[in-house]
mmCIF file of all heavy atoms, coordinates in Angstrom:
data_MODEL
# 
_entry.id   MODEL 
# 
loop_
_atom_site.group_PDB 
_atom_site.id 
_atom_site.type_symbol 
_atom_site.label_atom_id 
_atom_site.label_alt_id 
_atom_site.label_comp_id 
_atom_site.label_asym_id 
_atom_site.label_entity_id 
_atom_site.label_seq_id 
_atom_site.pdbx_PDB_ins_code 
_atom_site.Cartn_x 
_atom_site.Cartn_y 
_atom_site.Cartn_z 
_atom_site.occupancy 
_atom_site.B_iso_or_equiv 
_atom_site.pdbx_formal_charge 
_atom_site.auth_seq_id 
_atom_site.auth_comp_id 
_atom_site.auth_asym_id 
_atom_site.auth_atom_id 
_atom_site.pdbx_PDB_model_num 
ATOM 1   N N   . LEU A 1 1  ? 125.285 103.813 127.925 1.00 0.00 ? 1  LEU A N   1 
ATOM 2   C CA  . LEU A 1 1  ? 125.790 104.967 128.668 1.00 0.00 ? 1  LEU A CA  1 
ATOM 3   C C   . LEU A 1 1  ? 125.839 104.637 130.151 1.00 0.00 ? 1  LEU A C   1 
ATOM 4   O O   . LEU A 1 1  ? 125.031 103.869 130.663 1.00 0.00 ? 1  LEU A O   1 
ATOM 5   C CB  . LEU A 1 1  ? 124.885 106.184 128.458 1.00 0.00 ? 1  LEU A CB  1 
ATOM 6   C CG  . LEU A 1 1  ? 124.843 106.800 127.059 1.00 0.00 ? 1  LEU A CG  1 
ATOM 7   C CD1 . LEU A 1 1  ? 123.707 107.805 126.964 1.00 0.00 ? 1  LEU A CD1 1 
ATOM 8   C CD2 . LEU A 1 1  ? 126.188 107.464 126.719 1.00 0.00 ? 1  LEU A CD2 1 
ATOM 9   N N   . ASN A 1 2  ? 126.784 105.261 130.860 1.00 0.00 ? 2  ASN A N   1 
ATOM 10  C CA  . ASN A 1 2  ? 126.898 105.075 132.294 1.00 0.00 ? 2  ASN A CA  1 
ATOM 11  C C   . ASN A 1 2  ? 126.904 106.406 133.017 1.00 0.00 ? 2  ASN A C   1 
ATOM 12  O O   . ASN A 1 2  ? 127.294 107.435 132.453 1.00 0.00 ? 2  ASN A O   1 
ATOM 13  C CB  . ASN A 1 2  ? 128.180 104.308 132.632 1.00 0.00 ? 2  ASN A CB  1 
ATOM 14  C CG  . ASN A 1 2  ? 127.898 102.906 133.161 1.00 0.00 ? 2  ASN A CG  1 
ATOM 15  O OD1 . ASN A 1 2  ? 127.264 102.757 134.190 1.00 0.00 ? 2  ASN A OD1 1 
ATOM 16  N ND2 . ASN A 1 2  ? 128.373 101.899 132.477 1.00 0.00 ? 2  ASN A ND2 1 
ATOM 17  N N   . GLY A 1 3  ? 126.500 106.366 134.291 1.00 0.00 ? 3  GLY A N   1 
ATOM 18  C CA  . GLY A 1 3  ? 126.585 107.549 135.132 1.00 0.00 ? 3  GLY A CA  1 
ATOM 19  C C   . GLY A 1 3  ? 125.592 108.629 134.748 1.00 0.00 ? 3  GLY A C   1 
ATOM 20  O O   . GLY A 1 3  ? 124.540 108.381 134.139 1.00 0.00 ? 3  GLY A O   1 
ATOM 21  N N   . ASP A 1 4  ? 125.941 109.877 135.071 1.00 0.00 ? 4  ASP A N   1 
ATOM 22  C CA  . ASP A 1 4  ? 124.981 110.959 134.893 1.00 0.00 ? 4  ASP A CA  1 
ATOM 23  C C   . ASP A 1 4  ? 124.818 111.406 133.443 1.00 0.00 ? 4  ASP A C   1 
ATOM 24  O O   . ASP A 1 4  ? 123.988 112.267 133.148 1.00 0.00 ? 4  ASP A O   1 
ATOM 25  C CB  . ASP A 1 4  ? 125.318 112.148 135.796 1.00 0.00 ? 4  ASP A CB  1 
ATOM 26  C CG  . ASP A 1 4  ? 126.751 112.626 135.694 1.00 0.00 ? 4  ASP A CG  1 
ATOM 27  O OD1 . ASP A 1 4  ? 127.448 112.202 134.746 1.00 0.00 ? 4  ASP A OD1 1 
ATOM 28  O OD2 . ASP A 1 4  ? 127.184 113.428 136.559 1.00 0.00 ? 4  ASP A OD2 1 
ATOM 29  N N   . SER A 1 5  ? 125.562 110.824 132.499 1.00 0.00 ? 5  SER A N   1 
ATOM 30  C CA  . SER A 1 5  ? 125.301 111.083 131.085 1.00 0.00 ? 5  SER A CA  1 
ATOM 31  C C   . SER A 1 5  ? 123.887 110.658 130.692 1.00 0.00 ? 5  SER A C   1 
ATOM 32  O O   . SER A 1 5  ? 123.287 111.232 129.775 1.00 0.00 ? 5  SER A O   1 
ATOM 33  C CB  . SER A 1 5  ? 126.320 110.349 130.202 1.00 0.00 ? 5  SER A CB  1 
ATOM 34  O OG  . SER A 1 5  ? 127.605 110.920 130.316 1.00 0.00 ? 5  SER A OG  1 
ATOM 35  N N   . ASN A 1 6  ? 123.352 109.651 131.367 1.00 0.00 ? 6  ASN A N   1 
ATOM 36  C CA  . ASN A 1 6  ? 121.999 109.206 131.068 1.00 0.00 ? 6  ASN A CA  1 
ATOM 37  C C   . ASN A 1 6  ? 120.956 110.291 131.319 1.00 0.00 ? 6  ASN A C   1 
ATOM 38  O O   . ASN A 1 6  ? 119.920 110.325 130.637 1.00 0.00 ? 6  ASN A O   1 
ATOM 39  C CB  . ASN A 1 6  ? 121.659 107.959 131.890 1.00 0.00 ? 6  ASN A CB  1 
ATOM 40  C CG  . ASN A 1 6  ? 122.194 106.687 131.256 1.00 0.00 ? 6  ASN A CG  1 
ATOM 41  O OD1 . ASN A 1 6  ? 121.886 106.372 130.111 1.00 0.00 ? 6  ASN A OD1 1 
ATOM 42  N ND2 . ASN A 1 6  ? 123.000 105.948 132.018 1.00 0.00 ? 6  ASN A ND2 1 
ATOM 43  N N   . VAL A 1 7  ? 121.222 111.167 132.276 1.00 0.00 ? 7  VAL A N   1 
ATOM 44  C CA  . VAL A 1 7  ? 120.285 112.255 132.558 1.00 0.00 ? 7  VAL A CA  1 
ATOM 45  C C   . VAL A 1 7  ? 120.132 113.127 131.319 1.00 0.00 ? 7  VAL A C   1 
ATOM 46  O O   . VAL A 1 7  ? 119.020 113.383 130.837 1.00 0.00 ? 7  VAL A O   1 
ATOM 47  C CB  . VAL A 1 7  ? 120.750 113.084 133.765 1.00 0.00 ? 7  VAL A CB  1 
ATOM 48  C CG1 . VAL A 1 7  ? 119.793 114.246 134.003 1.00 0.00 ? 7  VAL A CG1 1 
ATOM 49  C CG2 . VAL A 1 7  ? 120.890 112.216 135.010 1.00 0.00 ? 7  VAL A CG2 1 
ATOM 50  N N   . ALA A 1 8  ? 121.259 113.585 130.780 1.00 0.00 ? 8  ALA A N   1 
ATOM 51  C CA  . ALA A 1 8  ? 121.242 114.466 129.618 1.00 0.00 ? 8  ALA A CA  1 
ATOM 52  C C   . ALA A 1 8  ? 120.693 113.757 128.380 1.00 0.00 ? 8  ALA A C   1 
ATOM 53  O O   . ALA A 1 8  ? 119.948 114.349 127.589 1.00 0.00 ? 8  ALA A O   1 
ATOM 54  C CB  . ALA A 1 8  ? 122.647 115.004 129.355 1.00 0.00 ? 8  ALA A CB  1 
ATOM 55  N N   . PHE A 1 9  ? 121.047 112.487 128.194 1.00 0.00 ? 9  PHE A N   1 
ATOM 56  C CA  . PHE A 1 9  ? 120.604 111.749 127.022 1.00 0.00 ? 9  PHE A CA  1 
ATOM 57  C C   . PHE A 1 9  ? 119.080 111.630 126.980 1.00 0.00 ? 9  PHE A C   1 
ATOM 58  O O   . PHE A 1 9  ? 118.447 111.929 125.966 1.00 0.00 ? 9  PHE A O   1 
ATOM 59  C CB  . PHE A 1 9  ? 121.234 110.361 126.991 1.00 0.00 ? 9  PHE A CB  1 
ATOM 60  C CG  . PHE A 1 9  ? 120.689 109.465 125.913 1.00 0.00 ? 9  PHE A CG  1 
ATOM 61  C CD1 . PHE A 1 9  ? 121.040 109.655 124.591 1.00 0.00 ? 9  PHE A CD1 1 
ATOM 62  C CD2 . PHE A 1 9  ? 119.802 108.434 126.223 1.00 0.00 ? 9  PHE A CD2 1 
ATOM 63  C CE1 . PHE A 1 9  ? 120.519 108.835 123.580 1.00 0.00 ? 9  PHE A CE1 1 
ATOM 64  C CE2 . PHE A 1 9  ? 119.286 107.615 125.232 1.00 0.00 ? 9  PHE A CE2 1 
ATOM 65  C CZ  . PHE A 1 9  ? 119.643 107.814 123.911 1.00 0.00 ? 9  PHE A CZ  1 
ATOM 66  N N   . PHE A 1 10 ? 118.478 111.174 128.063 1.00 0.00 ? 10 PHE A N   1 
ATOM 67  C CA  . PHE A 1 10 ? 117.037 110.955 128.040 1.00 0.00 ? 10 PHE A CA  1 
ATOM 68  C C   . PHE A 1 10 ? 116.246 112.260 128.026 1.00 0.00 ? 10 PHE A C   1 
ATOM 69  O O   . PHE A 1 10 ? 115.137 112.303 127.456 1.00 0.00 ? 10 PHE A O   1 
ATOM 70  C CB  . PHE A 1 10 ? 116.613 110.066 129.204 1.00 0.00 ? 10 PHE A CB  1 
ATOM 71  C CG  . PHE A 1 10 ? 116.820 108.612 128.922 1.00 0.00 ? 10 PHE A CG  1 
ATOM 72  C CD1 . PHE A 1 10 ? 117.912 107.951 129.434 1.00 0.00 ? 10 PHE A CD1 1 
ATOM 73  C CD2 . PHE A 1 10 ? 115.948 107.903 128.115 1.00 0.00 ? 10 PHE A CD2 1 
ATOM 74  C CE1 . PHE A 1 10 ? 118.130 106.607 129.158 1.00 0.00 ? 10 PHE A CE1 1 
ATOM 75  C CE2 . PHE A 1 10 ? 116.146 106.569 127.832 1.00 0.00 ? 10 PHE A CE2 1 
ATOM 76  C CZ  . PHE A 1 10 ? 117.241 105.919 128.351 1.00 0.00 ? 10 PHE A CZ  1 
ATOM 77  N N   . ARG A 1 11 ? 116.774 113.303 128.622 1.00 0.00 ? 11 ARG A N   1 
ATOM 78  C CA  . ARG A 1 11 ? 116.093 114.592 128.523 1.00 0.00 ? 11 ARG A CA  1 
ATOM 79  C C   . ARG A 1 11 ? 116.089 115.082 127.085 1.00 0.00 ? 11 ARG A C   1 
ATOM 80  O O   . ARG A 1 11 ? 115.067 115.577 126.586 1.00 0.00 ? 11 ARG A O   1 
ATOM 81  C CB  . ARG A 1 11 ? 116.759 115.604 129.465 1.00 0.00 ? 11 ARG A CB  1 
ATOM 82  C CG  . ARG A 1 11 ? 116.452 115.336 130.933 1.00 0.00 ? 11 ARG A CG  1 
ATOM 83  C CD  . ARG A 1 11 ? 117.159 116.300 131.854 1.00 0.00 ? 11 ARG A CD  1 
ATOM 84  N NE  . ARG A 1 11 ? 116.807 116.037 133.260 1.00 0.00 ? 11 ARG A NE  1 
ATOM 85  C CZ  . ARG A 1 11 ? 117.355 116.644 134.298 1.00 0.00 ? 11 ARG A CZ  1 
ATOM 86  N NH1 . ARG A 1 11 ? 118.295 117.578 134.101 1.00 0.00 ? 11 ARG A NH1 1 
ATOM 87  N NH2 . ARG A 1 11 ? 116.980 116.336 135.534 1.00 0.00 ? 11 ARG A NH2 1 
ATOM 88  N N   . GLU A 1 12 ? 117.221 114.938 126.399 1.00 0.00 ? 12 GLU A N   1 
ATOM 89  C CA  . GLU A 1 12 ? 117.284 115.335 125.002 1.00 0.00 ? 12 GLU A CA  1 
ATOM 90  C C   . GLU A 1 12 ? 116.418 114.423 124.135 1.00 0.00 ? 12 GLU A C   1 
ATOM 91  O O   . GLU A 1 12 ? 115.786 114.879 123.180 1.00 0.00 ? 12 GLU A O   1 
ATOM 92  C CB  . GLU A 1 12 ? 118.732 115.312 124.511 1.00 0.00 ? 12 GLU A CB  1 
ATOM 93  C CG  . GLU A 1 12 ? 118.935 115.818 123.085 1.00 0.00 ? 12 GLU A CG  1 
ATOM 94  C CD  . GLU A 1 12 ? 118.625 117.290 122.936 1.00 0.00 ? 12 GLU A CD  1 
ATOM 95  O OE1 . GLU A 1 12 ? 118.615 118.028 123.962 1.00 0.00 ? 12 GLU A OE1 1 
ATOM 96  O OE2 . GLU A 1 12 ? 118.387 117.739 121.800 1.00 0.00 ? 12 GLU A OE2 1 
ATOM 97  N N   . TYR A 1 13 ? 116.398 113.135 124.454 1.00 0.00 ? 13 TYR A N   1 
ATOM 98  C CA  . TYR A 1 13 ? 115.588 112.166 123.721 1.00 0.00 ? 13 TYR A CA  1 
ATOM 99  C C   . TYR A 1 13 ? 114.116 112.581 123.724 1.00 0.00 ? 13 TYR A C   1 
ATOM 100 O O   . TYR A 1 13 ? 113.447 112.562 122.695 1.00 0.00 ? 13 TYR A O   1 
ATOM 101 C CB  . TYR A 1 13 ? 115.757 110.786 124.360 1.00 0.00 ? 13 TYR A CB  1 
ATOM 102 C CG  . TYR A 1 13 ? 115.456 109.607 123.458 1.00 0.00 ? 13 TYR A CG  1 
ATOM 103 C CD1 . TYR A 1 13 ? 116.415 109.131 122.565 1.00 0.00 ? 13 TYR A CD1 1 
ATOM 104 C CD2 . TYR A 1 13 ? 114.247 108.935 123.514 1.00 0.00 ? 13 TYR A CD2 1 
ATOM 105 C CE1 . TYR A 1 13 ? 116.164 108.032 121.750 1.00 0.00 ? 13 TYR A CE1 1 
ATOM 106 C CE2 . TYR A 1 13 ? 113.989 107.840 122.708 1.00 0.00 ? 13 TYR A CE2 1 
ATOM 107 C CZ  . TYR A 1 13 ? 114.958 107.398 121.824 1.00 0.00 ? 13 TYR A CZ  1 
ATOM 108 O OH  . TYR A 1 13 ? 114.700 106.311 121.011 1.00 0.00 ? 13 TYR A OH  1 
ATOM 109 N N   . LYS A 1 14 ? 113.635 112.975 124.887 1.00 0.00 ? 14 LYS A N   1 
ATOM 110 C CA  . LYS A 1 14 ? 112.248 113.416 124.996 1.00 0.00 ? 14 LYS A CA  1 
ATOM 111 C C   . LYS A 1 14 ? 112.047 114.767 124.322 1.00 0.00 ? 14 LYS A C   1 
ATOM 112 O O   . LYS A 1 14 ? 111.024 115.004 123.669 1.00 0.00 ? 14 LYS A O   1 
ATOM 113 C CB  . LYS A 1 14 ? 111.824 113.489 126.465 1.00 0.00 ? 14 LYS A CB  1 
ATOM 114 C CG  . LYS A 1 14 ? 110.353 113.870 126.631 1.00 0.00 ? 14 LYS A CG  1 
ATOM 115 C CD  . LYS A 1 14 ? 109.949 113.959 128.080 1.00 0.00 ? 14 LYS A CD  1 
ATOM 116 C CE  . LYS A 1 14 ? 108.472 114.339 128.197 1.00 0.00 ? 14 LYS A CE  1 
ATOM 117 N NZ  . LYS A 1 14 ? 108.037 114.482 129.602 1.00 0.00 ? 14 LYS A NZ  1 
ATOM 118 N N   . ASN A 1 15 ? 113.027 115.652 124.456 1.00 0.00 ? 15 ASN A N   1 
ATOM 119 C CA  . ASN A 1 15 ? 112.909 117.001 123.898 1.00 0.00 ? 15 ASN A CA  1 
ATOM 120 C C   . ASN A 1 15 ? 112.694 116.986 122.386 1.00 0.00 ? 15 ASN A C   1 
ATOM 121 O O   . ASN A 1 15 ? 111.993 117.849 121.846 1.00 0.00 ? 15 ASN A O   1 
ATOM 122 C CB  . ASN A 1 15 ? 114.146 117.836 124.226 1.00 0.00 ? 15 ASN A CB  1 
ATOM 123 C CG  . ASN A 1 15 ? 114.165 118.307 125.665 1.00 0.00 ? 15 ASN A CG  1 
ATOM 124 O OD1 . ASN A 1 15 ? 113.140 118.314 126.353 1.00 0.00 ? 15 ASN A OD1 1 
ATOM 125 N ND2 . ASN A 1 15 ? 115.343 118.697 126.147 1.00 0.00 ? 15 ASN A ND2 1 
ATOM 126 N N   . VAL A 1 16 ? 113.300 116.021 121.684 1.00 0.00 ? 16 VAL A N   1 
ATOM 127 C CA  . VAL A 1 16 ? 113.153 115.976 120.226 1.00 0.00 ? 16 VAL A CA  1 
ATOM 128 C C   . VAL A 1 16 ? 111.943 115.157 119.793 1.00 0.00 ? 16 VAL A C   1 
ATOM 129 O O   . VAL A 1 16 ? 111.728 114.937 118.592 1.00 0.00 ? 16 VAL A O   1 
ATOM 130 C CB  . VAL A 1 16 ? 114.429 115.444 119.546 1.00 0.00 ? 16 VAL A CB  1 
ATOM 131 C CG1 . VAL A 1 16 ? 115.632 116.304 119.906 1.00 0.00 ? 16 VAL A CG1 1 
ATOM 132 C CG2 . VAL A 1 16 ? 114.673 113.979 119.884 1.00 0.00 ? 16 VAL A CG2 1 
ATOM 133 N N   . GLY A 1 17 ? 111.151 114.713 120.752 1.00 0.00 ? 17 GLY A N   1 
ATOM 134 C CA  . GLY A 1 17 ? 109.910 114.024 120.431 1.00 0.00 ? 17 GLY A CA  1 
ATOM 135 C C   . GLY A 1 17 ? 110.005 112.525 120.283 1.00 0.00 ? 17 GLY A C   1 
ATOM 136 O O   . GLY A 1 17 ? 109.027 111.882 119.863 1.00 0.00 ? 17 GLY A O   1 
ATOM 137 N N   . LEU A 1 18 ? 111.139 111.914 120.630 1.00 0.00 ? 18 LEU A N   1 
ATOM 138 C CA  . LEU A 1 18 ? 111.259 110.469 120.562 1.00 0.00 ? 18 LEU A CA  1 
ATOM 139 C C   . LEU A 1 18 ? 110.580 109.834 121.768 1.00 0.00 ? 18 LEU A C   1 
ATOM 140 O O   . LEU A 1 18 ? 110.686 110.327 122.894 1.00 0.00 ? 18 LEU A O   1 
ATOM 141 C CB  . LEU A 1 18 ? 112.729 110.055 120.507 1.00 0.00 ? 18 LEU A CB  1 
ATOM 142 C CG  . LEU A 1 18 ? 113.462 110.417 119.209 1.00 0.00 ? 18 LEU A CG  1 
ATOM 143 C CD1 . LEU A 1 18 ? 114.961 110.161 119.349 1.00 0.00 ? 18 LEU A CD1 1 
ATOM 144 C CD2 . LEU A 1 18 ? 112.888 109.639 118.029 1.00 0.00 ? 18 LEU A CD2 1 
ATOM 145 N N   . THR A 1 19 ? 109.875 108.737 121.537 1.00 0.00 ? 19 THR A N   1 
ATOM 146 C CA  . THR A 1 19 ? 109.088 108.097 122.585 1.00 0.00 ? 19 THR A CA  1 
ATOM 147 C C   . THR A 1 19 ? 109.406 106.609 122.657 1.00 0.00 ? 19 THR A C   1 
ATOM 148 O O   . THR A 1 19 ? 109.882 106.011 121.684 1.00 0.00 ? 19 THR A O   1 
ATOM 149 C CB  . THR A 1 19 ? 107.584 108.255 122.321 1.00 0.00 ? 19 THR A CB  1 
ATOM 150 O OG1 . THR A 1 19 ? 107.226 107.502 121.138 1.00 0.00 ? 19 THR A OG1 1 
ATOM 151 C CG2 . THR A 1 19 ? 107.206 109.718 122.130 1.00 0.00 ? 19 THR A CG2 1 
ATOM 152 N N   . PRO A 1 20 ? 109.098 105.977 123.805 1.00 0.00 ? 20 PRO A N   1 
ATOM 153 C CA  . PRO A 1 20 ? 109.289 104.531 123.914 1.00 0.00 ? 20 PRO A CA  1 
ATOM 154 C C   . PRO A 1 20 ? 108.408 103.757 122.943 1.00 0.00 ? 20 PRO A C   1 
ATOM 155 O O   . PRO A 1 20 ? 108.743 102.639 122.547 1.00 0.00 ? 20 PRO A O   1 
ATOM 156 C CB  . PRO A 1 20 ? 108.932 104.216 125.364 1.00 0.00 ? 20 PRO A CB  1 
ATOM 157 C CG  . PRO A 1 20 ? 108.717 105.473 126.032 1.00 0.00 ? 20 PRO A CG  1 
ATOM 158 C CD  . PRO A 1 20 ? 108.658 106.566 125.085 1.00 0.00 ? 20 PRO A CD  1 
ATOM 159 N N   . GLN A 1 21 ? 107.273 104.332 122.571 1.00 0.00 ? 21 GLN A N   1 
ATOM 160 C CA  . GLN A 1 21 ? 106.375 103.662 121.642 1.00 0.00 ? 21 GLN A CA  1 
ATOM 161 C C   . GLN A 1 21 ? 106.939 103.681 120.217 1.00 0.00 ? 21 GLN A C   1 
ATOM 162 O O   . GLN A 1 21 ? 106.845 102.674 119.499 1.00 0.00 ? 21 GLN A O   1 
ATOM 163 C CB  . GLN A 1 21 ? 104.996 104.335 121.654 1.00 0.00 ? 21 GLN A CB  1 
ATOM 164 C CG  . GLN A 1 21 ? 104.237 104.183 122.975 1.00 0.00 ? 21 GLN A CG  1 
ATOM 165 C CD  . GLN A 1 21 ? 104.809 105.066 124.105 1.00 0.00 ? 21 GLN A CD  1 
ATOM 166 O OE1 . GLN A 1 21 ? 105.286 106.169 123.827 1.00 0.00 ? 21 GLN A OE1 1 
ATOM 167 N NE2 . GLN A 1 21 ? 104.750 104.582 125.337 1.00 0.00 ? 21 GLN A NE2 1 
ATOM 168 N N   . ALA A 1 22 ? 107.544 104.797 119.832 1.00 0.00 ? 22 ALA A N   1 
ATOM 169 C CA  . ALA A 1 22 ? 108.075 104.936 118.475 1.00 0.00 ? 22 ALA A CA  1 
ATOM 170 C C   . ALA A 1 22 ? 109.451 104.309 118.330 1.00 0.00 ? 22 ALA A C   1 
ATOM 171 O O   . ALA A 1 22 ? 109.741 103.647 117.330 1.00 0.00 ? 22 ALA A O   1 
ATOM 172 C CB  . ALA A 1 22 ? 108.123 106.411 118.077 1.00 0.00 ? 22 ALA A CB  1 
ATOM 173 N N   . MET A 1 23 ? 110.315 104.507 119.314 1.00 0.00 ? 23 MET A N   1 
ATOM 174 C CA  . MET A 1 23 ? 111.675 103.989 119.267 1.00 0.00 ? 23 MET A CA  1 
ATOM 175 C C   . MET A 1 23 ? 112.147 103.721 120.695 1.00 0.00 ? 23 MET A C   1 
ATOM 176 O O   . MET A 1 23 ? 112.770 104.553 121.321 1.00 0.00 ? 23 MET A O   1 
ATOM 177 C CB  . MET A 1 23 ? 112.637 104.966 118.576 1.00 0.00 ? 23 MET A CB  1 
ATOM 178 C CG  . MET A 1 23 ? 113.991 104.362 118.202 1.00 0.00 ? 23 MET A CG  1 
ATOM 179 S SD  . MET A 1 23 ? 115.168 105.600 117.535 1.00 0.00 ? 23 MET A SD  1 
ATOM 180 C CE  . MET A 1 23 ? 114.254 106.228 116.128 1.00 0.00 ? 23 MET A CE  1 
ATOM 181 N N   . PRO A 1 24 ? 111.842 102.546 121.237 1.00 0.00 ? 24 PRO A N   1 
ATOM 182 C CA  . PRO A 1 24 ? 112.210 102.253 122.622 1.00 0.00 ? 24 PRO A CA  1 
ATOM 183 C C   . PRO A 1 24 ? 113.720 102.188 122.816 1.00 0.00 ? 24 PRO A C   1 
ATOM 184 O O   . PRO A 1 24 ? 114.466 101.819 121.910 1.00 0.00 ? 24 PRO A O   1 
ATOM 185 C CB  . PRO A 1 24 ? 111.562 100.893 122.881 1.00 0.00 ? 24 PRO A CB  1 
ATOM 186 C CG  . PRO A 1 24 ? 111.444 100.275 121.523 1.00 0.00 ? 24 PRO A CG  1 
ATOM 187 C CD  . PRO A 1 24 ? 111.180 101.410 120.582 1.00 0.00 ? 24 PRO A CD  1 
# 
């Protein structure tokens, strides 16, 4: 992903409980 789409992606990633430890 490029640009400010990364903001929305990582916020949603955390919101659903995905972590760097479980799925980096």
